[in-house]
Amino acid sequence: MNASDERTRSLWMDVLVADAPQLQKNITADTVVVGSGIAGLSVAYELALRGQKVVVIDRGRIAGGMTSRTTAHLTSQSDDGFETLIRVRGLEGAKSFYESHSAAIDRI
């Protein structure tokens, strides 16, 4: 299912970047990122900062998929709750989960 087929609309959907032009010719890149959601664009950005020539391709609108509805689930919370996470992975595992998600949020 494509997010654009959904009936509900998020606040983001009316302020997303306009459609990018279709690729009209063969080009050369160091890296091709498939998907222009928050994850794909974040990876492309990080690679470009490191000097990579990056091309981002997507079948639809920039950030128009699930990112337009979920913001890529940017949270340091666990879907199953920290009680479950501690039971399954231990306190140190839960701390690592929280710290890694918090760092990703800060980075993005």
Protein backbone atom coordinates (compact mmCIF):
# COMPACT_ATOMS: atom_id res chain seq x y z
CA MET A 1 0.00 0.00 0.00
CA ASN A 2 1.20 3.50 -0.77
CA ALA A 3 0.73 6.20 1.86
CA SER A 4 -0.87 8.46 -0.73
CA ASP A 5 -3.76 5.97 -0.96
CA GLU A 6 -4.69 6.53 2.68
CA ARG A 7 -7.73 8.64 3.52
CA THR A 8 -6.24 10.46 6.49
CA ARG A 9 -3.75 13.28 6.01
CA SER A 10 -0.88 14.35 8.22
CA LEU A 11 0.23 17.94 8.68
CA TRP A 12 3.42 17.18 6.72
CA MET A 13 1.64 16.19 3.54
CA ASP A 14 0.82 19.75 2.52
CA VAL A 15 4.33 21.08 3.07
CA LEU A 16 6.45 18.37 1.49
CA VAL A 17 9.02 19.23 -1.13
CA ALA A 18 7.63 19.40 -4.64
CA ASP A 19 8.13 16.45 -6.94
CA ALA A 20 11.68 16.09 -8.20
CA PRO A 21 12.23 15.82 -11.92
CA GLN A 22 12.51 12.38 -13.45
CA LEU A 23 15.97 11.23 -14.41
CA GLN A 24 16.36 12.13 -18.09
CA LYS A 25 19.83 10.76 -18.84
CA ASN A 26 22.41 8.31 -17.59
CA ILE A 27 24.52 9.73 -14.79
CA THR A 28 27.37 8.46 -12.65
CA ALA A 29 27.28 8.36 -8.86
CA ASP A 30 29.26 6.81 -6.05
CA THR A 31 26.08 5.73 -4.31
CA VAL A 32 22.43 5.34 -5.28
CA VAL A 33 19.92 5.55 -2.44
CA VAL A 34 16.57 3.95 -3.13
CA GLY A 35 13.84 5.75 -1.23
CA SER A 36 13.42 9.42 -0.40
CA GLY A 37 11.94 9.04 3.05
CA ILE A 38 13.66 10.35 6.13
CA ALA A 39 15.97 7.33 6.30
CA GLY A 40 17.03 7.50 2.65
CA LEU A 41 17.48 11.26 2.68
CA SER A 42 19.44 11.10 5.93
CA VAL A 43 21.78 8.48 4.47
CA ALA A 44 22.19 10.50 1.26
CA TYR A 45 22.97 13.62 3.28
CA GLU A 46 25.57 11.86 5.42
CA LEU A 47 27.25 10.36 2.36
CA ALA A 48 27.27 13.71 0.55
CA LEU A 49 28.92 15.31 3.61
CA ARG A 50 31.67 12.73 3.22
CA GLY A 51 32.26 13.65 -0.41
CA GLN A 52 30.18 10.98 -2.12
CA LYS A 53 28.28 11.85 -5.30
CA VAL A 54 24.81 10.58 -4.35
CA VAL A 55 21.65 10.03 -6.37
CA VAL A 56 18.33 9.44 -4.61
CA ILE A 57 15.60 7.65 -6.52
CA ASP A 58 12.03 6.96 -5.48
CA ARG A 59 8.88 5.72 -7.15
CA GLY A 60 6.86 8.58 -5.75
CA ARG A 61 6.98 12.00 -4.17
CA ILE A 62 9.92 13.09 -2.01
CA ALA A 63 9.14 12.05 1.57
CA GLY A 64 5.69 11.10 0.32
CA GLY A 65 5.59 7.52 1.56
CA MET A 66 5.41 6.43 5.17
CA THR A 67 7.64 9.34 6.23
CA SER A 68 4.78 11.68 5.40
CA ARG A 69 2.65 9.82 7.93
CA THR A 70 5.06 8.64 10.60
CA THR A 71 8.22 10.79 10.51
CA ALA A 72 10.09 7.48 10.31
CA HIS A 73 8.99 6.59 13.83
CA LEU A 74 11.56 8.87 15.44
CA THR A 75 11.27 7.96 19.09
CA SER A 76 13.46 6.57 21.80
CA GLN A 77 10.53 4.50 23.07
CA SER A 78 10.15 0.80 22.40
CA ASP A 79 6.93 -0.40 20.76
CA ASP A 80 6.72 -3.17 23.34
CA GLY A 81 7.66 -0.91 26.25
CA PHE A 82 10.83 -0.85 28.27
CA GLU A 83 9.52 -3.41 30.75
CA THR A 84 9.43 -6.00 27.96
CA LEU A 85 12.73 -4.81 26.53
CA ILE A 86 14.42 -5.16 29.94
CA ARG A 87 12.93 -8.64 30.40
CA VAL A 88 14.10 -9.79 26.95
CA ARG A 89 17.42 -7.93 26.58
CA GLY A 90 18.32 -6.94 30.13
CA LEU A 91 18.84 -3.49 31.61
CA GLU A 92 22.04 -2.84 29.63
CA GLY A 93 20.31 -3.86 26.38
CA ALA A 94 17.43 -1.50 27.13
CA LYS A 95 19.87 1.32 27.88
CA SER A 96 21.69 0.68 24.62
CA PHE A 97 18.37 0.72 22.75
CA TYR A 98 17.41 4.04 24.28
CA GLU A 99 20.83 5.62 23.76
CA SER A 100 21.09 4.50 20.13
CA HIS A 101 17.61 5.79 19.27
CA SER A 102 18.24 9.08 21.07
CA ALA A 103 21.52 9.53 19.19
CA ALA A 104 19.77 8.82 15.88
CA ILE A 105 17.08 11.40 16.65
CA ASP A 106 19.76 13.96 17.50
CA ARG A 107 21.67 13.16 14.31
CA ILE A 108 18.62 13.32 12.04
